[in-house]
Structure formats: structure tokens, C-alpha cells
Amino acid sequence: EIIVAIQDFKSRFPHSVVKPGSALLFTKLSNGSFNMEFDGENLGVIESNWLATNFFMAYLSSKKPISQPAKESFASGFEALLKKL
């Protein structure tokens, strides 16, 4: 099941070069699925709670994040959201 989810993720990922300024949006849906969008185009939903959870855990890892700027942006956005509560 995990291998199928990873293969599905790879097959949906843009096959072209992702240029700076492009928008890749990954969303964990309320049912645990993983949604992918690229520059406003929906690339599809992967029905895998494991993929959704582990993607974000790896992306935001405290020891070695995949993207430090994304981690900082997420933290800032989360802090702003908490201030609104």
C-alpha cells in the first residue's frame, strides 16, 4: 500500500522543471487523503493517510527539513493563525 502511494505521488508530480515562483500546493484533507496542485491545476488526490502524514513530517522535520524556508513560512503562518484565536 505504501509503495503504491509513493508511485502514485511520483506519477502525479510535474514532469517538467519546476521554475522559481511556481506554486506547488500539497494538502492533507480531512479524510487523511493527500491532494496535489501545481500552478492552480489539480494533479489529483492520493488516498493515503500514510503518505500525507509522512510527507509533512519529513518536510517540516526539526533535524533536517526538506525546505527550511517552507518550515519557517509554516511556523510564521501557524503563529499568525494562533494570534487570531
Protein backbone atom coordinates (compact mmCIF):
# COMPACT_ATOMS: atom_id res chain seq x y z
CA GLU A 1 0.00 0.00 0.00
CA ILE A 2 2.85 2.39 0.86
CA ILE A 3 4.76 1.61 -2.33
CA VAL A 4 1.61 2.15 -4.40
CA ALA A 5 1.05 5.54 -2.72
CA ILE A 6 4.66 6.62 -3.40
CA GLN A 7 4.42 5.50 -7.03
CA ASP A 8 1.13 7.38 -7.39
CA PHE A 9 2.77 10.51 -5.91
CA LYS A 10 5.71 10.28 -8.34
CA SER A 11 3.41 9.77 -11.33
CA ARG A 12 1.40 12.90 -10.49
CA PHE A 13 4.39 15.14 -9.80
CA PRO A 14 5.12 17.64 -12.62
CA HIS A 15 7.42 16.09 -15.22
CA SER A 16 8.73 19.47 -16.29
CA VAL A 17 11.24 21.65 -14.44
CA VAL A 18 9.55 23.44 -11.57
CA LYS A 19 10.63 27.03 -12.05
CA PRO A 20 11.17 29.50 -9.20
CA GLY A 21 7.89 31.23 -8.39
CA SER A 22 5.81 28.21 -9.37
CA ALA A 23 3.20 27.14 -6.84
CA LEU A 24 3.21 23.56 -5.62
CA LEU A 25 0.42 23.07 -3.11
CA PHE A 26 0.18 19.93 -1.01
CA THR A 27 -2.83 19.49 1.26
CA LYS A 28 -3.76 16.84 3.77
CA LEU A 29 -7.54 16.59 3.52
CA SER A 30 -9.82 16.00 6.49
CA ASN A 31 -10.28 12.36 5.47
CA GLY A 32 -6.48 11.82 5.51
CA SER A 33 -6.00 11.92 1.73
CA PHE A 34 -3.18 13.87 0.06
CA ASN A 35 -4.10 16.48 -2.58
CA MET A 36 -1.58 17.91 -5.07
CA GLU A 37 -1.82 21.12 -7.12
CA PHE A 38 0.68 22.77 -9.45
CA ASP A 39 0.17 26.39 -10.54
CA GLY A 40 -3.58 26.13 -9.89
CA GLU A 41 -4.02 22.82 -11.71
CA ASN A 42 -5.24 19.96 -9.56
CA LEU A 43 -2.94 16.98 -10.06
CA GLY A 44 -5.20 14.69 -8.09
CA VAL A 45 -5.81 13.11 -4.73
CA ILE A 46 -3.88 10.17 -3.34
CA GLU A 47 -5.93 8.13 -0.90
CA SER A 48 -3.13 7.51 1.59
CA ASN A 49 -3.10 8.85 5.12
CA TRP A 50 0.40 7.39 5.49
CA LEU A 51 1.72 9.46 2.56
CA ALA A 52 0.01 12.65 3.73
CA THR A 53 1.30 12.34 7.28
CA ASN A 54 4.85 11.31 6.41
CA PHE A 55 5.25 13.88 3.64
CA PHE A 56 4.58 16.73 6.04
CA MET A 57 6.59 15.16 8.85
CA ALA A 58 9.62 14.92 6.54
CA TYR A 59 9.06 18.36 5.07
CA LEU A 60 8.94 20.02 8.47
CA SER A 61 11.43 17.82 10.31
CA SER A 62 13.28 19.71 13.01
CA LYS A 63 16.61 17.98 12.37
CA LYS A 64 16.90 18.15 8.61
CA PRO A 65 13.89 19.72 6.86
CA ILE A 66 13.48 19.30 3.12
CA SER A 67 12.87 23.04 2.86
CA GLN A 68 13.99 25.41 5.62
CA PRO A 69 12.16 28.39 4.04
CA ALA A 70 8.94 26.35 3.88
CA LYS A 71 9.37 25.32 7.50
CA GLU A 72 9.83 28.95 8.56
CA SER A 73 6.85 30.08 6.47
CA PHE A 74 4.68 27.37 8.02
CA ALA A 75 5.76 28.40 11.53
CA SER A 76 5.02 32.07 10.84
CA GLY A 77 1.61 31.27 9.37
CA PHE A 78 0.75 28.99 12.27
CA GLU A 79 1.77 31.68 14.77
CA ALA A 80 -0.38 34.27 12.97
CA LEU A 81 -3.32 31.86 12.97
CA LEU A 82 -2.98 31.30 16.72
CA LYS A 83 -2.96 35.04 17.35
CA LYS A 84 -6.37 35.30 15.65
CA LEU A 85 -7.90 32.82 18.09
